[in-house]
Protein backbone atom coordinates (compact mmCIF):
# COMPACT_ATOMS: atom_id res chain seq x y z
CA MET A 1 26.97 -1.13 -59.87
CA ASN A 2 25.52 -4.09 -61.76
CA LYS A 3 24.63 -7.34 -60.11
CA ILE A 4 27.32 -10.03 -60.20
CA SER A 5 26.83 -12.20 -63.26
CA LYS A 6 27.45 -15.89 -63.77
CA ILE A 7 27.41 -17.54 -67.18
CA SER A 8 24.50 -19.61 -68.43
CA LYS A 9 25.57 -22.37 -70.82
CA ILE A 10 24.06 -24.16 -73.80
CA LYS A 11 25.94 -26.90 -75.64
CA VAL A 12 24.55 -28.92 -78.52
CA ASP A 13 26.18 -32.06 -79.95
CA PHE A 14 25.22 -34.24 -82.91
CA VAL A 15 24.52 -37.64 -81.32
CA ARG A 16 23.02 -40.70 -83.03
CA GLY A 17 21.73 -38.75 -86.02
CA LYS A 18 20.20 -35.87 -84.08
CA SER A 19 21.28 -32.59 -82.49
CA ARG A 20 20.88 -32.87 -78.74
CA LEU A 21 21.24 -30.54 -75.78
CA THR A 22 24.16 -32.09 -73.89
CA GLU A 23 24.92 -29.26 -71.47
CA SER A 24 22.52 -26.72 -69.99
CA LEU A 25 23.05 -24.30 -67.14
CA ASN A 26 20.60 -21.46 -66.60
CA ILE A 27 21.44 -18.71 -64.14
CA THR A 28 18.52 -16.68 -62.74
CA PRO A 29 16.77 -14.71 -64.17
CA LEU A 30 17.28 -16.74 -67.37
CA LYS A 31 15.24 -19.88 -68.03
CA ILE A 32 16.19 -22.40 -70.72
CA PHE A 33 13.61 -24.73 -72.29
CA ASN A 34 14.26 -27.55 -74.76
CA PRO A 35 11.07 -28.38 -76.74
CA LYS A 36 11.14 -31.69 -78.58
CA THR A 37 11.44 -31.70 -82.36
CA SER A 38 10.76 -34.43 -84.90
CA ASN A 39 13.85 -33.59 -86.96
CA ASP A 40 17.60 -33.25 -86.50
CA TRP A 41 17.55 -29.73 -84.99
CA CYS A 42 17.85 -28.88 -81.29
CA HIS A 43 15.24 -26.28 -80.34
CA ILE A 44 16.01 -23.97 -77.40
CA THR A 45 13.58 -21.36 -76.03
CA LEU A 46 14.84 -18.62 -73.72
CA SER A 47 12.68 -16.87 -71.14
CA ASN A 48 13.10 -14.57 -68.14
CA TYR A 49 11.56 -14.64 -64.70
CA GLY A 50 9.21 -11.68 -64.52
CA GLY A 51 8.83 -11.53 -68.29
CA GLY A 52 11.71 -9.22 -69.03
CA VAL A 53 14.96 -7.53 -68.01
CA VAL A 54 14.90 -5.51 -64.79
CA GLU A 55 17.38 -2.89 -63.70
CA GLY A 56 20.85 -4.20 -62.97
CA ASP A 57 20.34 -7.55 -64.71
CA VAL A 58 23.37 -8.95 -66.52
CA LEU A 59 22.60 -12.08 -68.54
CA ASP A 60 25.67 -13.85 -69.89
CA ILE A 61 25.07 -16.85 -72.15
CA ALA A 62 27.68 -19.14 -73.72
CA MET A 63 26.41 -21.13 -76.73
CA ASP A 64 28.41 -23.96 -78.27
CA CYS A 65 27.18 -25.77 -81.38
CA THR A 66 29.65 -28.55 -82.14
CA GLU A 67 30.52 -30.27 -85.40
CA ASN A 68 27.51 -31.24 -87.58
CA ALA A 69 25.00 -30.06 -84.95
CA LYS A 70 22.01 -27.78 -85.61
CA LEU A 71 20.80 -25.25 -83.05
CA TYR A 72 17.65 -23.13 -83.24
CA VAL A 73 17.09 -20.54 -80.47
CA ASP A 74 14.01 -18.39 -79.95
CA THR A 75 12.32 -16.58 -77.05
CA GLN A 76 9.06 -17.22 -75.25
CA ALA A 77 7.84 -13.65 -75.76
CA PHE A 78 9.01 -10.08 -76.29
CA THR A 79 12.10 -9.08 -74.34
CA ARG A 80 10.75 -6.23 -72.25
CA VAL A 81 13.30 -3.92 -70.66
CA TYR A 82 11.96 -2.26 -67.53
CA LYS A 83 12.66 1.12 -65.96
CA ASN A 84 16.22 1.54 -64.75
CA ASP A 85 16.82 4.25 -62.14
CA GLN A 86 19.63 3.12 -59.86
CA PHE A 87 21.88 0.79 -61.86
CA PRO A 88 23.95 1.25 -65.03
CA LEU A 89 22.84 -0.43 -68.23
CA SER A 90 21.09 -3.76 -67.93
CA GLN A 91 22.82 -6.18 -70.28
CA GLN A 92 22.47 -9.40 -72.22
CA ARG A 93 25.62 -10.89 -73.73
CA ILE A 94 25.91 -13.98 -75.92
CA ILE A 95 29.25 -15.57 -76.71
CA GLY A 96 28.78 -18.27 -79.33
CA ARG A 97 30.80 -20.84 -81.22
CA ALA A 98 29.76 -22.80 -84.33
CA GLU A 99 32.04 -25.66 -85.32
CA ALA A 100 32.51 -27.29 -88.73
CA ASN A 101 29.35 -28.07 -90.75
CA SER A 102 27.08 -26.78 -87.98
CA PHE A 103 23.96 -24.65 -88.40
CA VAL A 104 22.88 -22.00 -85.88
CA MET A 105 19.78 -19.81 -86.04
CA ILE A 106 19.04 -17.19 -83.37
CA ALA A 107 15.50 -15.85 -83.72
CA PRO A 108 14.23 -13.89 -80.70
CA ASP A 109 11.08 -11.79 -80.52
CA PRO A 110 11.48 -7.99 -80.60
CA ILE A 111 13.06 -6.02 -77.76
CA ILE A 112 10.58 -3.54 -76.25
CA PRO A 113 12.31 -0.91 -74.07
CA HIS A 114 10.04 0.72 -71.50
CA GLU A 115 10.19 4.35 -70.38
CA LYS A 116 13.45 5.31 -68.58
CA SER A 117 15.06 1.95 -69.38
CA SER A 118 18.73 1.46 -70.31
CA PHE A 119 19.88 -1.70 -72.05
CA LYS A 120 22.84 -3.11 -73.95
CA GLN A 121 22.80 -6.36 -75.90
CA SER A 122 25.75 -8.02 -77.59
CA GLN A 123 26.48 -11.16 -79.55
CA GLU A 124 29.94 -12.33 -80.52
CA TRP A 125 30.28 -15.48 -82.61
CA THR A 126 33.31 -17.49 -83.69
CA ILE A 127 32.42 -19.75 -86.60
CA GLU A 128 34.16 -22.20 -88.89
CA LYS A 129 34.26 -21.62 -92.64
CA SER A 130 31.92 -24.57 -93.27
CA SER A 131 29.36 -23.53 -90.62
CA SER A 132 26.24 -21.41 -91.19
CA LEU A 133 24.78 -18.72 -88.94
CA LEU A 134 21.53 -16.76 -89.15
CA VAL A 135 20.66 -14.11 -86.54
CA ILE A 136 17.44 -12.09 -86.40
CA ASP A 137 17.53 -8.93 -84.29
CA TRP A 138 14.72 -6.42 -83.97
CA LEU A 139 13.76 -3.46 -81.81
CA GLY A 140 10.49 -1.66 -81.12
CA SER A 141 10.00 1.98 -80.16
CA GLY A 142 8.37 1.07 -76.83
CA ARG A 143 4.85 0.40 -75.60
CA SER A 144 3.16 2.10 -78.53
CA ASN A 145 -0.29 0.88 -77.46
CA MET A 146 0.18 3.08 -74.38
CA ASN A 147 1.50 6.04 -76.42
CA GLU A 148 4.95 5.36 -75.00
CA GLU A 149 7.34 5.63 -77.92
CA PHE A 150 11.08 6.34 -77.73
CA LYS A 151 10.84 7.16 -74.02
CA TYR A 152 13.76 4.91 -73.07
CA THR A 153 17.02 6.45 -71.86
CA GLU A 154 19.54 4.40 -73.83
CA PHE A 155 19.79 1.36 -76.08
CA GLN A 156 23.00 -0.20 -77.36
CA SER A 157 23.54 -3.20 -79.60
CA GLU A 158 26.70 -4.91 -80.83
CA PHE A 159 27.00 -7.86 -83.21
CA ILE A 160 30.39 -9.37 -84.10
CA VAL A 161 31.31 -12.48 -86.10
CA HIS A 162 34.79 -14.01 -86.44
CA ARG A 163 35.65 -16.49 -89.20
CA ASP A 164 39.10 -17.80 -90.10
CA GLY A 165 40.65 -15.53 -87.49
CA LYS A 166 39.11 -12.39 -89.02
CA LYS A 167 36.15 -10.23 -88.11
CA ILE A 168 33.69 -10.48 -90.98
CA ILE A 169 30.85 -8.54 -89.32
CA VAL A 170 31.04 -5.69 -86.82
CA ASP A 171 27.71 -3.90 -86.41
CA ARG A 172 27.03 -1.44 -83.59
CA ILE A 173 24.20 0.93 -82.74
CA LYS A 174 23.69 3.38 -79.89
CA LEU A 175 20.41 5.25 -79.36
CA ASN A 176 19.75 8.01 -76.83
CA PRO A 177 16.27 9.41 -77.53
CA GLU A 178 16.68 12.05 -74.81
CA THR A 179 19.66 13.62 -76.61
CA GLN A 180 19.29 12.45 -80.23
CA ASP A 181 16.80 13.39 -82.89
CA ILE A 182 15.35 9.90 -83.05
CA LYS A 183 12.96 10.94 -85.83
CA SER A 184 15.75 12.01 -88.15
CA SER A 185 16.38 10.09 -91.37
CA ALA A 186 19.64 8.83 -89.82
CA ALA A 187 17.68 7.13 -87.03
CA PHE A 188 14.07 5.88 -87.14
CA SER A 189 12.51 8.60 -89.29
CA ASN A 190 8.73 7.96 -89.09
CA TYR A 191 9.04 4.24 -88.34
CA LYS A 192 8.54 2.40 -85.05
CA TYR A 193 10.28 -0.97 -85.60
CA CYS A 194 13.65 -1.88 -87.03
CA LEU A 195 14.88 -5.34 -88.02
CA ASN A 196 18.30 -6.73 -88.91
CA ILE A 197 18.90 -10.19 -90.34
CA TYR A 198 22.46 -11.49 -90.61
CA ALA A 199 22.96 -14.60 -92.75
CA ILE A 200 26.27 -16.40 -93.19
CA GLY A 201 27.05 -19.55 -95.15
CA HIS A 202 24.20 -21.62 -96.56
CA PHE A 203 21.59 -19.26 -95.07
CA GLY A 204 22.76 -16.43 -97.32
CA ASN A 205 21.11 -17.59 -100.55
CA VAL A 206 17.77 -18.18 -98.82
CA CYS A 207 17.79 -14.70 -97.27
CA GLN A 208 18.69 -13.14 -100.59
CA ASN A 209 15.74 -14.84 -102.28
CA THR A 210 13.41 -13.71 -99.46
CA ALA A 211 14.56 -10.10 -99.76
CA GLU A 212 14.15 -10.07 -103.55
CA THR A 213 10.64 -11.47 -103.29
CA PHE A 214 9.69 -8.97 -100.60
CA GLN A 215 10.72 -5.94 -102.64
CA SER A 216 7.48 -6.21 -104.62
CA LEU A 217 5.14 -6.10 -101.62
CA ARG A 218 2.50 -3.41 -101.42
CA SER A 219 3.68 -2.39 -97.94
CA ILE A 220 7.03 -1.34 -99.43
CA GLN A 221 5.40 0.36 -102.39
CA ALA A 222 3.10 2.27 -100.01
CA GLY A 223 6.01 3.36 -97.81
CA ARG A 224 4.82 1.49 -94.72
CA LEU A 225 7.99 -0.60 -94.81
CA ILE A 226 11.47 0.03 -96.16
CA LEU A 227 13.99 -2.71 -96.86
CA SER A 228 17.57 -2.94 -98.01
CA SER A 229 19.69 -6.02 -98.58
CA HIS A 230 23.25 -6.63 -99.67
CA GLU A 231 26.01 -9.20 -99.70
CA THR A 232 28.98 -7.75 -97.83
CA ILE A 233 31.49 -10.47 -98.71
CA ASN A 234 31.16 -13.97 -100.10
CA ASN A 235 28.31 -15.83 -98.34
CA VAL A 236 27.64 -12.98 -95.86
CA PHE A 237 24.23 -11.39 -96.45
CA ILE A 238 22.46 -8.65 -94.44
CA ILE A 239 18.83 -7.52 -94.57
CA ARG A 240 17.73 -4.30 -92.87
CA ALA A 241 14.09 -3.26 -92.63
CA MET A 242 11.96 -0.67 -90.83
CA ALA A 243 8.19 -0.51 -90.48
CA ASN A 244 5.37 1.42 -88.87
CA GLU A 245 3.80 -1.68 -87.35
CA ARG A 246 5.18 -4.98 -86.16
CA HIS A 247 2.89 -7.03 -88.39
CA GLU A 248 4.57 -5.54 -91.47
CA LEU A 249 7.87 -7.09 -90.34
CA ASP A 250 6.10 -10.27 -89.26
CA GLU A 251 5.28 -10.87 -92.92
CA LEU A 252 8.98 -10.68 -93.78
CA ILE A 253 9.84 -13.15 -91.01
CA LYS A 254 7.08 -15.54 -92.10
CA SER A 255 8.32 -15.37 -95.68
CA LEU A 256 11.85 -16.18 -94.53
CA TYR A 257 10.69 -19.18 -92.50
CA SER A 258 8.61 -20.42 -95.40
CA ASP A 259 11.64 -20.20 -97.70
CA LEU A 260 13.77 -22.05 -95.15
CA GLU A 261 11.15 -24.78 -94.86
CA GLU A 262 10.87 -25.16 -98.63
CA THR A 263 14.64 -25.54 -98.98
CA ASN A 264 14.63 -28.28 -96.31
CA PHE A 265 16.63 -26.37 -93.72
CA PHE A 266 14.04 -27.22 -91.05
CA ARG A 267 11.62 -29.76 -92.55
CA PHE A 268 9.21 -28.08 -90.13
CA ASN A 269 8.27 -24.47 -89.45
CA PRO A 270 9.11 -23.35 -85.88
CA LEU A 271 6.52 -20.57 -86.11
CA SER A 272 3.73 -23.16 -86.35
CA ARG A 273 4.34 -24.06 -82.71
CA ARG A 274 3.37 -20.57 -81.63
CA HIS A 275 -0.06 -20.41 -83.23
């Protein structure tokens, strides 16, 4: 059975003109960092002891972004999921809340499942009508530099958003490369990375502009990257993309951050801290 899990907590309040981390509780193996910013966002970086998720890990995280606050969350590196022989699925679960006029952006690095690993991730957000949420979620085929592709046992992902008492997004995926034809057109086809971007509220227009600009790229025209985008309901926008190499999707992410910076969402580019 899985290890007993306790809940890590992150709470951000808007205090004296700036979003500030007012409550932080990290339960091993999770580590929570709070880099300083020169603007009104609160920047949180998540990391794991050992550099990834080991068998039996259950990481539960509660995130609370209160009225008028702005929360940006990224990861220190790839989320590597290690071999899992004795325990059920390793798991990471985020339960989030975004209050009125708040902005939340969740932007982790890709998940890289190793051979014989089993992993389930989930996010469930409850947001106010006036709040905005942007979540980036991407998955690699494995350690491709070691010729280890789609050798994991199982991967599951669930993303749910509630607004005004209704579910406005329910997105689930379950992959079992040992039993599924992972190379079929209904799965990965010939691609190695997949990316989902969910944008709600004020983020929606920016993501739509990014997707429209990206449609003209040579990588799409050459078939190295495929991209689809659509508005599901008012102010709810989803981008889906797949690529042969990570750097093809990196260009999409960089374009999105550039558009966010130009529209004064950040007034700084968080990616610049990583280079």
